[in-house]
């Protein structure tokens, strides 16, 4: 059955890139076919907390759950003594540059440990900033799955239910989903409006509300 719905985003202003480099990533949501993916650019001086916020915007998540990055055998996220069985490095204190990434390097980004959404980030290019406005989404495909729908398996089941109005769960899912939900829709302009509205120099979004696993 459909879970309860979540909440939205904050607003602010987007920066111009100064000195340094930009990294172009392709992020792909694992376990979904056809793939849900985005291509975007961020400055190297963004913290991993900032990168988390960018990923939330480009993918379309609500930022209501815990997350972590796994890169070069280290874990980065929001330290929490109630959940940290292994030491996790505070992602607000580490920049993308600190990871010393090269083209083709990969990062695993996990969001919502309950549903288990895993995202593979691949470094496609490292470019000079040259005053470009970033972060920016360049391309992508398909809509983000609804939050709290049960992970890749639950989303696959949801899509099958939506194909059959005679299914016993069809009515409840249709009532829970946004009226205009379309799994094939990708709104590049909308993503970039949200990115440009954020003030990336402010504390990370985790301070806006308490998150769940």
N, C-alpha and C. Protein backbone atom coordinates (compact mmCIF):
# COMPACT_ATOMS: atom_id res chain seq x y z
N UNK A 1 0.84 -1.20 0.00
CA UNK A 1 0.00 0.00 0.00
C UNK A 1 0.88 1.25 0.00
N UNK A 2 0.40 2.35 -0.57
CA UNK A 2 1.20 3.57 -0.62
C UNK A 2 1.49 4.13 0.76
N UNK A 3 2.72 4.63 0.98
CA UNK A 3 3.07 5.27 2.25
C UNK A 3 2.65 6.72 2.27
N UNK A 4 2.95 7.42 3.37
CA UNK A 4 2.64 8.84 3.46
C UNK A 4 3.60 9.65 2.60
N UNK A 5 3.15 10.82 2.12
CA UNK A 5 3.97 11.66 1.28
C UNK A 5 4.94 12.51 2.11
N UNK A 6 5.97 13.07 1.42
CA UNK A 6 7.00 13.86 2.07
C UNK A 6 6.83 15.35 1.82
N UNK A 7 7.96 16.09 1.94
CA UNK A 7 7.93 17.54 1.84
C UNK A 7 8.88 18.02 0.77
N UNK A 8 8.97 19.36 0.57
CA UNK A 8 9.68 19.92 -0.57
C UNK A 8 11.03 20.50 -0.27
N UNK A 9 11.41 21.54 -1.05
CA UNK A 9 12.76 22.06 -1.10
C UNK A 9 12.86 23.48 -0.57
N UNK A 10 14.12 23.89 -0.28
CA UNK A 10 14.41 25.27 0.06
C UNK A 10 14.80 26.06 -1.17
N UNK A 11 15.01 27.40 -1.02
CA UNK A 11 15.33 28.25 -2.16
C UNK A 11 16.50 29.16 -1.81
N UNK A 12 17.11 29.74 -2.86
CA UNK A 12 18.25 30.64 -2.67
C UNK A 12 18.79 31.06 -4.01
N UNK A 13 20.12 31.24 -4.13
CA UNK A 13 20.72 31.67 -5.37
C UNK A 13 21.87 30.74 -5.72
N UNK A 14 22.09 30.54 -7.05
CA UNK A 14 23.19 29.71 -7.51
C UNK A 14 24.40 30.54 -7.83
N UNK A 15 25.63 29.99 -7.66
CA UNK A 15 26.86 30.73 -7.88
C UNK A 15 27.42 30.57 -9.28
N UNK A 16 28.36 31.46 -9.65
CA UNK A 16 29.20 31.26 -10.81
C UNK A 16 30.45 30.54 -10.36
N UNK A 17 31.02 29.69 -11.23
CA UNK A 17 32.26 29.01 -10.90
C UNK A 17 33.42 29.98 -11.02
N UNK A 18 34.32 29.95 -10.07
CA UNK A 18 35.49 30.81 -10.13
C UNK A 18 36.69 30.01 -10.61
N UNK A 19 37.81 30.13 -9.90
CA UNK A 19 38.99 29.36 -10.26
C UNK A 19 38.78 27.88 -9.94
N UNK A 20 39.64 27.04 -10.50
CA UNK A 20 39.54 25.62 -10.22
C UNK A 20 38.89 24.85 -11.35
N UNK A 21 38.45 23.64 -11.03
CA UNK A 21 37.92 22.74 -12.04
C UNK A 21 36.46 22.40 -11.78
N UNK A 22 35.81 21.95 -12.84
CA UNK A 22 34.46 21.39 -12.76
C UNK A 22 34.55 19.90 -13.05
N UNK A 23 33.70 19.14 -12.40
CA UNK A 23 33.61 17.71 -12.70
C UNK A 23 32.26 17.41 -13.32
N UNK A 24 32.29 16.70 -14.42
CA UNK A 24 31.05 16.24 -15.06
C UNK A 24 30.84 14.79 -14.66
N UNK A 25 29.70 14.55 -14.01
CA UNK A 25 29.33 13.21 -13.56
C UNK A 25 28.14 12.69 -14.37
N UNK A 26 28.10 11.38 -14.51
CA UNK A 26 26.86 10.71 -14.91
C UNK A 26 26.43 9.85 -13.73
N UNK A 27 25.20 10.07 -13.26
CA UNK A 27 24.67 9.27 -12.16
C UNK A 27 23.55 8.39 -12.68
N UNK A 28 23.60 7.12 -12.34
CA UNK A 28 22.60 6.14 -12.78
C UNK A 28 22.03 5.42 -11.57
N UNK A 29 20.72 5.37 -11.49
CA UNK A 29 20.05 4.67 -10.40
C UNK A 29 20.12 3.17 -10.67
N UNK A 30 20.72 2.43 -9.77
CA UNK A 30 20.93 1.00 -9.99
C UNK A 30 19.64 0.20 -9.77
N UNK A 31 19.51 -0.87 -10.54
CA UNK A 31 18.39 -1.78 -10.36
C UNK A 31 17.13 -1.39 -11.09
N UNK A 32 17.18 -0.35 -11.94
CA UNK A 32 16.00 0.11 -12.69
C UNK A 32 16.28 -0.02 -14.19
N UNK A 33 15.36 -0.64 -14.91
CA UNK A 33 15.47 -0.76 -16.36
C UNK A 33 14.13 -0.39 -17.01
N UNK A 34 14.13 0.44 -18.05
CA UNK A 34 15.25 1.22 -18.59
C UNK A 34 15.82 2.14 -17.52
N UNK A 35 17.10 2.53 -17.65
CA UNK A 35 17.76 3.27 -16.57
C UNK A 35 17.22 4.68 -16.35
N UNK A 36 17.25 5.10 -15.09
CA UNK A 36 17.01 6.49 -14.71
C UNK A 36 18.40 7.10 -14.49
N UNK A 37 18.75 8.13 -15.26
CA UNK A 37 20.10 8.68 -15.16
C UNK A 37 20.10 10.19 -15.40
N UNK A 38 21.18 10.84 -14.93
CA UNK A 38 21.36 12.28 -15.11
C UNK A 38 22.85 12.55 -15.39
N UNK A 39 23.10 13.57 -16.19
CA UNK A 39 24.46 14.08 -16.41
C UNK A 39 24.48 15.51 -15.89
N UNK A 40 25.47 15.82 -15.02
CA UNK A 40 25.49 17.15 -14.41
C UNK A 40 26.93 17.57 -14.12
N UNK A 41 27.11 18.86 -13.85
CA UNK A 41 28.43 19.42 -13.55
C UNK A 41 28.40 20.13 -12.21
N UNK A 42 29.48 19.97 -11.44
CA UNK A 42 29.63 20.64 -10.15
C UNK A 42 31.08 21.12 -10.01
N UNK A 43 31.32 22.16 -9.21
CA UNK A 43 32.69 22.61 -8.97
C UNK A 43 33.40 21.69 -7.99
N UNK A 44 34.71 21.59 -8.14
CA UNK A 44 35.49 20.68 -7.29
C UNK A 44 35.52 21.10 -5.83
N UNK A 45 35.24 22.40 -5.56
CA UNK A 45 35.28 22.84 -4.16
C UNK A 45 33.97 22.63 -3.43
N UNK A 46 32.97 22.02 -4.07
CA UNK A 46 31.74 21.63 -3.37
C UNK A 46 32.08 20.54 -2.36
N UNK A 47 31.48 20.62 -1.19
CA UNK A 47 31.62 19.52 -0.23
C UNK A 47 30.77 18.33 -0.69
N UNK A 48 31.03 17.18 -0.10
CA UNK A 48 30.18 16.02 -0.42
C UNK A 48 28.75 16.24 0.06
N UNK A 49 28.58 17.05 1.09
CA UNK A 49 27.24 17.43 1.52
C UNK A 49 26.53 18.23 0.42
N UNK A 50 27.27 19.15 -0.21
CA UNK A 50 26.71 19.88 -1.35
C UNK A 50 26.37 18.93 -2.49
N UNK A 51 27.27 17.98 -2.76
CA UNK A 51 27.03 17.01 -3.82
C UNK A 51 25.77 16.21 -3.53
N UNK A 52 25.57 15.86 -2.26
CA UNK A 52 24.33 15.18 -1.87
C UNK A 52 23.11 16.03 -2.23
N UNK A 53 23.17 17.33 -1.91
CA UNK A 53 22.05 18.22 -2.22
C UNK A 53 21.82 18.32 -3.73
N UNK A 54 22.90 18.38 -4.51
CA UNK A 54 22.76 18.42 -5.96
C UNK A 54 22.10 17.14 -6.47
N UNK A 55 22.54 16.00 -5.96
CA UNK A 55 21.95 14.73 -6.38
C UNK A 55 20.47 14.66 -6.05
N UNK A 56 20.09 15.17 -4.89
CA UNK A 56 18.67 15.19 -4.53
C UNK A 56 17.87 15.98 -5.56
N UNK A 57 18.42 17.12 -5.99
CA UNK A 57 17.70 17.97 -6.95
C UNK A 57 17.67 17.36 -8.35
N UNK A 58 18.80 16.87 -8.83
CA UNK A 58 18.82 16.37 -10.21
C UNK A 58 18.04 15.07 -10.35
N UNK A 59 18.05 14.25 -9.29
CA UNK A 59 17.30 13.00 -9.36
C UNK A 59 15.81 13.23 -9.12
N UNK A 60 15.50 14.13 -8.16
CA UNK A 60 14.09 14.39 -7.85
C UNK A 60 13.64 13.80 -6.53
N UNK A 61 14.58 13.45 -5.65
CA UNK A 61 14.22 12.95 -4.33
C UNK A 61 13.75 14.09 -3.42
N UNK A 62 13.21 13.73 -2.24
CA UNK A 62 12.68 14.72 -1.30
C UNK A 62 13.66 15.06 -0.19
N UNK A 63 14.76 14.36 -0.10
CA UNK A 63 15.78 14.60 0.93
C UNK A 63 15.22 14.40 2.34
N UNK A 64 14.48 13.32 2.52
CA UNK A 64 13.89 13.04 3.82
C UNK A 64 14.49 11.85 4.53
N UNK A 65 15.57 11.26 3.96
CA UNK A 65 16.17 10.06 4.53
C UNK A 65 17.68 10.21 4.65
N UNK A 66 18.30 9.28 5.34
CA UNK A 66 19.75 9.28 5.49
C UNK A 66 20.43 8.88 4.18
N UNK A 67 21.72 9.22 4.10
CA UNK A 67 22.48 8.92 2.89
C UNK A 67 23.93 8.65 3.26
N UNK A 68 24.67 8.11 2.31
CA UNK A 68 26.11 8.00 2.47
C UNK A 68 26.76 7.86 1.09
N UNK A 69 28.04 8.26 1.03
CA UNK A 69 28.87 8.04 -0.15
C UNK A 69 29.91 6.98 0.18
N UNK A 70 30.21 6.13 -0.77
CA UNK A 70 31.30 5.18 -0.63
C UNK A 70 32.28 5.42 -1.77
N UNK A 71 33.52 5.75 -1.40
CA UNK A 71 34.55 6.06 -2.40
C UNK A 71 35.91 5.62 -1.87
N UNK A 72 36.59 4.82 -2.64
CA UNK A 72 37.94 4.37 -2.28
C UNK A 72 37.99 3.78 -0.88
N UNK A 73 36.99 2.93 -0.60
CA UNK A 73 36.90 2.17 0.64
C UNK A 73 36.64 3.03 1.88
N UNK A 74 36.15 4.24 1.68
CA UNK A 74 35.79 5.10 2.80
C UNK A 74 34.32 5.49 2.69
N UNK A 75 33.70 5.73 3.86
CA UNK A 75 32.29 6.10 3.93
C UNK A 75 32.18 7.54 4.39
N UNK A 76 31.31 8.30 3.69
CA UNK A 76 31.09 9.70 4.00
C UNK A 76 29.59 9.92 4.15
N UNK A 77 29.22 10.69 5.16
CA UNK A 77 27.81 10.98 5.36
C UNK A 77 27.63 11.89 6.56
N UNK A 78 26.50 11.72 7.23
CA UNK A 78 26.19 12.51 8.42
C UNK A 78 26.41 11.62 9.64
N UNK A 79 27.46 11.86 10.43
CA UNK A 79 27.72 11.00 11.59
C UNK A 79 26.54 10.97 12.54
N UNK A 80 26.18 9.78 12.98
CA UNK A 80 25.06 9.60 13.90
C UNK A 80 25.42 8.45 14.85
N UNK A 81 25.62 8.73 16.13
CA UNK A 81 26.03 7.68 17.07
C UNK A 81 25.01 6.57 17.21
N UNK A 82 23.76 6.83 16.86
CA UNK A 82 22.74 5.78 16.97
C UNK A 82 22.82 4.77 15.84
N UNK A 83 23.51 5.13 14.71
CA UNK A 83 23.53 4.26 13.55
C UNK A 83 24.94 3.88 13.10
N UNK A 84 25.95 4.58 13.57
CA UNK A 84 27.30 4.35 13.08
C UNK A 84 27.96 3.14 13.76
N UNK A 85 27.86 1.99 13.10
CA UNK A 85 28.56 0.81 13.59
C UNK A 85 30.01 0.82 13.09
N UNK A 86 30.25 1.44 11.96
CA UNK A 86 31.60 1.68 11.45
C UNK A 86 31.74 3.19 11.32
N UNK A 87 32.95 3.67 11.47
CA UNK A 87 33.18 5.10 11.45
C UNK A 87 32.81 5.68 10.09
N UNK A 88 32.04 6.78 10.10
CA UNK A 88 31.68 7.48 8.89
C UNK A 88 32.27 8.89 8.95
N UNK A 89 32.82 9.35 7.85
CA UNK A 89 33.47 10.66 7.79
C UNK A 89 32.41 11.71 7.47
N UNK A 90 32.44 12.82 8.17
CA UNK A 90 31.48 13.91 7.99
C UNK A 90 31.60 14.47 6.57
N UNK A 91 30.54 14.33 5.77
CA UNK A 91 30.63 14.75 4.36
C UNK A 91 30.63 16.26 4.18
N UNK A 92 30.31 17.01 5.23
CA UNK A 92 30.36 18.47 5.11
C UNK A 92 31.79 18.99 5.24
N UNK A 93 32.71 18.13 5.67
CA UNK A 93 34.10 18.55 5.87
C UNK A 93 35.03 18.07 4.75
N UNK A 94 34.48 17.38 3.77
CA UNK A 94 35.27 16.83 2.67
C UNK A 94 34.77 17.40 1.35
N UNK A 95 35.67 17.94 0.54
CA UNK A 95 35.28 18.46 -0.77
C UNK A 95 35.47 17.37 -1.83
N UNK A 96 34.86 17.62 -2.98
CA UNK A 96 35.05 16.70 -4.10
C UNK A 96 36.53 16.64 -4.48
N UNK A 97 37.18 17.79 -4.42
CA UNK A 97 38.62 17.83 -4.74
C UNK A 97 39.42 16.93 -3.82
N UNK A 98 39.03 16.85 -2.54
CA UNK A 98 39.76 16.03 -1.58
C UNK A 98 39.78 14.55 -1.98
N UNK A 99 38.82 14.12 -2.77
CA UNK A 99 38.75 12.71 -3.18
C UNK A 99 39.79 12.36 -4.24
N UNK A 100 40.39 13.39 -4.86
CA UNK A 100 41.43 13.18 -5.89
C UNK A 100 40.92 12.24 -6.99
N UNK A 101 39.77 12.60 -7.55
CA UNK A 101 39.15 11.76 -8.57
C UNK A 101 39.78 11.97 -9.93
N UNK A 102 39.74 10.93 -10.74
CA UNK A 102 40.18 10.98 -12.13
C UNK A 102 39.01 10.57 -13.02
N UNK A 103 39.13 10.85 -14.31
CA UNK A 103 38.11 10.43 -15.27
C UNK A 103 37.94 8.91 -15.19
N UNK A 104 36.68 8.48 -15.18
CA UNK A 104 36.25 7.08 -15.08
C UNK A 104 36.19 6.57 -13.64
N UNK A 105 36.65 7.36 -12.66
CA UNK A 105 36.48 6.95 -11.27
C UNK A 105 35.00 6.90 -10.91
N UNK A 106 34.65 6.06 -9.93
CA UNK A 106 33.26 5.87 -9.53
C UNK A 106 33.05 6.14 -8.05
N UNK A 107 31.86 6.64 -7.73
CA UNK A 107 31.41 6.83 -6.36
C UNK A 107 30.06 6.15 -6.23
N UNK A 108 29.84 5.47 -5.14
CA UNK A 108 28.51 4.91 -4.85
C UNK A 108 27.80 5.83 -3.87
N UNK A 109 26.61 6.27 -4.24
CA UNK A 109 25.80 7.13 -3.39
C UNK A 109 24.55 6.35 -2.99
N UNK A 110 24.37 6.15 -1.69
CA UNK A 110 23.22 5.42 -1.19
C UNK A 110 22.26 6.38 -0.50
N UNK A 111 20.99 6.25 -0.82
CA UNK A 111 19.96 7.11 -0.24
C UNK A 111 18.80 6.27 0.24
N UNK A 112 18.30 6.58 1.44
CA UNK A 112 17.19 5.87 2.07
C UNK A 112 17.58 4.42 2.32
N UNK A 113 18.18 4.17 3.48
CA UNK A 113 18.68 2.84 3.77
C UNK A 113 17.57 1.81 3.88
N UNK A 114 16.34 2.25 4.08
CA UNK A 114 15.21 1.34 4.12
C UNK A 114 14.85 0.82 2.73
N UNK A 115 14.64 1.74 1.80
CA UNK A 115 14.33 1.36 0.42
C UNK A 115 15.57 0.91 -0.33
N UNK A 116 16.74 1.43 0.07
CA UNK A 116 18.00 0.96 -0.52
C UNK A 116 18.26 1.45 -1.93
N UNK A 117 18.09 2.75 -2.15
CA UNK A 117 18.38 3.30 -3.48
C UNK A 117 19.89 3.52 -3.64
N UNK A 118 20.50 2.84 -4.59
CA UNK A 118 21.92 2.97 -4.87
C UNK A 118 22.12 3.66 -6.21
N UNK A 119 23.01 4.64 -6.21
CA UNK A 119 23.32 5.42 -7.40
C UNK A 119 24.80 5.28 -7.72
N UNK A 120 25.11 5.00 -8.96
CA UNK A 120 26.51 4.94 -9.39
C UNK A 120 26.88 6.25 -10.09
N UNK A 121 27.87 6.95 -9.53
CA UNK A 121 28.38 8.17 -10.14
C UNK A 121 29.69 7.85 -10.84
N UNK A 122 29.80 8.27 -12.09
CA UNK A 122 31.02 8.08 -12.87
C UNK A 122 31.53 9.45 -13.30
N UNK A 123 32.82 9.71 -13.06
CA UNK A 123 33.43 10.95 -13.53
C UNK A 123 33.66 10.84 -15.03
N UNK A 124 32.97 11.68 -15.81
CA UNK A 124 33.11 11.64 -17.26
C UNK A 124 34.16 12.62 -17.77
N UNK A 125 34.20 13.82 -17.16
CA UNK A 125 35.14 14.85 -17.59
C UNK A 125 35.58 15.69 -16.40
N UNK A 126 36.78 16.24 -16.48
CA UNK A 126 37.26 17.26 -15.54
C UNK A 126 37.69 18.45 -16.38
N UNK A 127 37.01 19.60 -16.17
CA UNK A 127 37.15 20.74 -17.05
C UNK A 127 37.52 21.99 -16.27
N UNK A 128 38.16 22.98 -16.92
CA UNK A 128 38.38 24.27 -16.26
C UNK A 128 37.05 24.98 -16.05
N UNK A 129 36.93 25.70 -14.93
CA UNK A 129 35.65 26.34 -14.60
C UNK A 129 35.26 27.41 -15.61
N UNK A 130 36.15 28.33 -15.90
CA UNK A 130 35.94 29.37 -16.91
C UNK A 130 34.63 30.14 -16.71
N UNK A 131 34.26 30.40 -15.47
CA UNK A 131 33.10 31.23 -15.20
C UNK A 131 31.75 30.62 -15.48
N UNK A 132 31.69 29.32 -15.70
CA UNK A 132 30.41 28.66 -15.98
C UNK A 132 29.51 28.72 -14.75
N UNK A 133 28.20 28.80 -14.97
CA UNK A 133 27.23 28.77 -13.88
C UNK A 133 26.98 27.31 -13.50
N UNK A 134 27.28 26.97 -12.27
CA UNK A 134 27.12 25.60 -11.80
C UNK A 134 26.55 25.63 -10.38
N UNK A 135 25.96 24.54 -9.92
CA UNK A 135 25.78 23.27 -10.62
C UNK A 135 24.73 23.37 -11.73
N UNK A 136 24.84 22.48 -12.69
CA UNK A 136 23.89 22.48 -13.79
C UNK A 136 23.69 21.04 -14.27
N UNK A 137 22.46 20.72 -14.61
CA UNK A 137 22.14 19.42 -15.19
C UNK A 137 22.16 19.56 -16.71
N UNK A 138 22.81 18.63 -17.38
CA UNK A 138 22.99 18.71 -18.83
C UNK A 138 22.03 17.82 -19.60
N UNK A 139 21.72 16.68 -19.02
CA UNK A 139 20.90 15.71 -19.75
C UNK A 139 20.42 14.64 -18.78
N UNK A 140 19.48 13.83 -19.20
CA UNK A 140 19.01 12.75 -18.36
C UNK A 140 17.89 11.99 -19.02
N UNK A 141 17.34 11.02 -18.31
CA UNK A 141 16.23 10.23 -18.84
C UNK A 141 15.39 9.67 -17.72
N UNK A 142 14.10 9.71 -17.91
CA UNK A 142 13.09 9.11 -17.06
C UNK A 142 12.96 9.81 -15.71
N UNK A 143 11.78 9.66 -15.14
CA UNK A 143 11.47 10.30 -13.86
C UNK A 143 12.08 9.54 -12.70
N UNK A 144 12.32 10.26 -11.61
CA UNK A 144 12.74 9.63 -10.37
C UNK A 144 11.58 8.78 -9.83
N UNK A 145 11.85 7.61 -9.28
CA UNK A 145 10.78 6.84 -8.64
C UNK A 145 10.16 7.62 -7.50
N UNK A 146 8.92 7.36 -7.14
CA UNK A 146 8.31 8.02 -5.98
C UNK A 146 9.06 7.64 -4.70
N UNK A 147 9.21 8.60 -3.83
CA UNK A 147 9.85 8.33 -2.54
C UNK A 147 9.03 7.31 -1.75
N UNK A 148 9.72 6.43 -1.02
CA UNK A 148 9.08 5.46 -0.12
C UNK A 148 8.20 4.43 -0.83
N UNK A 149 8.57 4.10 -2.08
CA UNK A 149 7.75 3.12 -2.81
C UNK A 149 8.29 1.69 -2.67
N UNK A 150 9.37 1.51 -1.89
CA UNK A 150 9.85 0.16 -1.64
C UNK A 150 11.12 -0.23 -2.37
N UNK A 151 11.88 0.74 -2.86
CA UNK A 151 13.13 0.44 -3.54
C UNK A 151 12.91 -0.07 -4.95
N UNK A 152 13.96 -0.55 -5.61
CA UNK A 152 13.84 -1.01 -7.00
C UNK A 152 12.75 -2.06 -7.20
N UNK A 153 12.68 -3.04 -6.29
CA UNK A 153 11.65 -4.08 -6.44
C UNK A 153 10.26 -3.47 -6.30
N UNK A 154 10.08 -2.61 -5.29
CA UNK A 154 8.77 -1.99 -5.08
C UNK A 154 8.36 -1.12 -6.25
N UNK A 155 9.32 -0.41 -6.84
CA UNK A 155 9.01 0.45 -7.99
C UNK A 155 8.63 -0.39 -9.20
N UNK A 156 9.35 -1.49 -9.40
CA UNK A 156 9.00 -2.39 -10.51
C UNK A 156 7.58 -2.92 -10.35
N UNK A 157 7.23 -3.28 -9.12
CA UNK A 157 5.88 -3.75 -8.85
C UNK A 157 4.85 -2.65 -9.08
N UNK A 158 5.18 -1.42 -8.65
CA UNK A 158 4.28 -0.29 -8.85
C UNK A 158 3.99 -0.07 -10.33
N UNK A 159 5.03 -0.12 -11.16
CA UNK A 159 4.83 0.10 -12.59
C UNK A 159 3.96 -0.99 -13.21
N UNK A 160 4.10 -2.22 -12.72
CA UNK A 160 3.25 -3.30 -13.22
C UNK A 160 1.80 -3.08 -12.80
N UNK A 161 1.59 -2.62 -11.57
CA UNK A 161 0.22 -2.34 -11.10
C UNK A 161 -0.43 -1.26 -11.95
N UNK A 162 0.32 -0.22 -12.29
CA UNK A 162 -0.24 0.89 -13.06
C UNK A 162 -0.62 0.50 -14.49
N UNK A 163 -0.09 -0.61 -14.95
CA UNK A 163 -0.44 -1.09 -16.31
C UNK A 163 -1.79 -1.79 -16.32
N UNK A 164 -2.31 -2.14 -15.13
CA UNK A 164 -3.53 -2.95 -15.05
C UNK A 164 -4.56 -2.31 -14.11
N UNK A 165 -5.51 -1.54 -14.67
CA UNK A 165 -6.54 -0.92 -13.82
C UNK A 165 -7.38 -1.90 -13.02
N UNK A 166 -7.33 -3.18 -13.38
CA UNK A 166 -8.10 -4.19 -12.67
C UNK A 166 -7.36 -4.73 -11.45
N UNK A 167 -6.09 -4.35 -11.29
CA UNK A 167 -5.31 -4.82 -10.15
C UNK A 167 -5.90 -4.28 -8.85
N UNK A 168 -5.86 -5.08 -7.80
CA UNK A 168 -6.46 -4.69 -6.52
C UNK A 168 -5.79 -3.49 -5.88
N UNK A 169 -4.53 -3.22 -6.22
CA UNK A 169 -3.81 -2.09 -5.64
C UNK A 169 -3.84 -0.85 -6.53
N UNK A 170 -4.43 -0.97 -7.70
CA UNK A 170 -4.38 0.13 -8.67
C UNK A 170 -4.96 1.43 -8.12
N UNK A 171 -6.15 1.36 -7.55
CA UNK A 171 -6.83 2.57 -7.08
C UNK A 171 -6.05 3.27 -5.97
N UNK A 172 -5.50 2.50 -5.02
CA UNK A 172 -4.79 3.12 -3.91
C UNK A 172 -3.50 3.77 -4.38
N UNK A 173 -2.79 3.12 -5.31
CA UNK A 173 -1.56 3.74 -5.83
C UNK A 173 -1.87 4.98 -6.65
N UNK A 174 -2.90 4.95 -7.46
CA UNK A 174 -3.27 6.12 -8.26
C UNK A 174 -3.66 7.29 -7.37
N UNK A 175 -4.29 7.01 -6.24
CA UNK A 175 -4.68 8.07 -5.31
C UNK A 175 -3.45 8.66 -4.64
N UNK A 176 -2.46 7.83 -4.32
CA UNK A 176 -1.26 8.28 -3.62
C UNK A 176 -0.30 9.05 -4.53
N UNK A 177 -0.19 8.63 -5.77
CA UNK A 177 0.75 9.26 -6.71
C UNK A 177 0.25 10.63 -7.15
N UNK A 178 1.16 11.54 -7.54
CA UNK A 178 0.72 12.81 -8.16
C UNK A 178 -0.11 12.51 -9.40
N UNK A 179 -1.08 13.35 -9.67
CA UNK A 179 -1.97 13.11 -10.81
C UNK A 179 -1.21 13.05 -12.12
N UNK A 180 -0.13 13.82 -12.23
CA UNK A 180 0.61 13.89 -13.48
C UNK A 180 1.82 12.96 -13.50
N UNK A 181 1.89 11.98 -12.59
CA UNK A 181 3.06 11.09 -12.56
C UNK A 181 3.20 10.33 -13.87
N UNK A 182 4.39 10.43 -14.45
CA UNK A 182 4.72 9.74 -15.70
C UNK A 182 6.15 9.22 -15.56
N UNK A 183 6.35 7.90 -15.49
CA UNK A 183 7.69 7.35 -15.28
C UNK A 183 8.67 7.68 -16.39
N UNK A 184 8.18 8.09 -17.56
CA UNK A 184 9.06 8.40 -18.68
C UNK A 184 9.39 9.89 -18.76
N UNK A 185 8.81 10.70 -17.89
CA UNK A 185 9.00 12.16 -17.98
C UNK A 185 10.34 12.58 -17.38
N UNK A 186 11.01 13.51 -18.07
CA UNK A 186 12.26 14.10 -17.56
C UNK A 186 12.20 15.60 -17.82
N UNK A 187 12.25 16.39 -16.75
CA UNK A 187 12.08 17.85 -16.83
C UNK A 187 13.41 18.55 -16.60
N UNK A 188 14.20 18.68 -17.65
CA UNK A 188 15.52 19.31 -17.53
C UNK A 188 15.41 20.76 -17.08
N UNK A 189 14.50 21.52 -17.66
CA UNK A 189 14.35 22.93 -17.29
C UNK A 189 13.96 23.08 -15.82
N UNK A 190 13.05 22.23 -15.35
CA UNK A 190 12.63 22.29 -13.96
C UNK A 190 13.78 21.98 -13.00
N UNK A 191 14.59 21.00 -13.35
CA UNK A 191 15.74 20.66 -12.52
C UNK A 191 16.69 21.85 -12.42
N UNK A 192 16.98 22.48 -13.54
CA UNK A 192 17.92 23.59 -13.52
C UNK A 192 17.35 24.83 -12.84
N UNK A 193 16.04 25.01 -12.89
CA UNK A 193 15.44 26.11 -12.12
C UNK A 193 15.64 25.87 -10.63
N UNK A 194 15.46 24.64 -10.18
CA UNK A 194 15.64 24.34 -8.76
C UNK A 194 17.10 24.49 -8.36
N UNK A 195 18.00 24.04 -9.20
CA UNK A 195 19.43 24.19 -8.90
C UNK A 195 19.83 25.65 -8.78
N UNK A 196 19.35 26.48 -9.71
CA UNK A 196 19.73 27.89 -9.71
C UNK A 196 19.07 28.66 -8.57
N UNK A 197 17.99 28.13 -8.00
CA UNK A 197 17.29 28.82 -6.92
C UNK A 197 17.94 28.57 -5.57
N UNK A 198 18.83 27.59 -5.48
CA UNK A 198 19.46 27.24 -4.21
C UNK A 198 20.62 28.17 -3.90
N UNK A 199 20.82 28.48 -2.62
CA UNK A 199 21.99 29.23 -2.17
C UNK A 199 23.00 28.21 -1.67
N UNK A 200 24.00 27.93 -2.49
CA UNK A 200 24.91 26.82 -2.20
C UNK A 200 25.95 27.15 -1.15
N UNK A 201 25.99 28.41 -0.69
CA UNK A 201 26.93 28.76 0.38
C UNK A 201 26.32 28.57 1.76
N UNK A 202 25.04 28.24 1.84
CA UNK A 202 24.37 28.06 3.14
C UNK A 202 24.64 26.66 3.68
N UNK A 203 24.38 26.42 4.98
CA UNK A 203 24.57 25.08 5.52
C UNK A 203 23.75 24.05 4.76
N UNK A 204 24.19 22.80 4.74
CA UNK A 204 23.52 21.76 3.94
C UNK A 204 22.08 21.52 4.39
N UNK A 205 21.32 20.88 3.48
CA UNK A 205 19.89 20.72 3.68
C UNK A 205 19.54 19.86 4.88
N UNK A 206 20.50 19.06 5.39
CA UNK A 206 20.19 18.20 6.52
C UNK A 206 19.74 18.99 7.74
N UNK A 207 20.05 20.29 7.81
CA UNK A 207 19.68 21.10 8.95
C UNK A 207 18.22 21.57 8.86
N UNK A 208 17.57 21.31 7.73
CA UNK A 208 16.21 21.81 7.56
C UNK A 208 15.17 20.95 8.29
N UNK A 209 15.46 19.65 8.41
CA UNK A 209 14.50 18.77 9.09
C UNK A 209 15.18 17.47 9.46
N UNK A 210 14.59 16.77 10.39
CA UNK A 210 15.13 15.47 10.81
C UNK A 210 14.80 14.44 9.75
N UNK A 211 15.77 13.56 9.46
CA UNK A 211 15.58 12.56 8.44
C UNK A 211 15.37 11.19 9.03
N UNK A 212 14.81 10.30 8.25
CA UNK A 212 14.58 8.94 8.68
C UNK A 212 15.48 8.01 7.88
N UNK A 213 15.61 6.79 8.38
CA UNK A 213 16.43 5.80 7.69
C UNK A 213 15.82 5.45 6.36
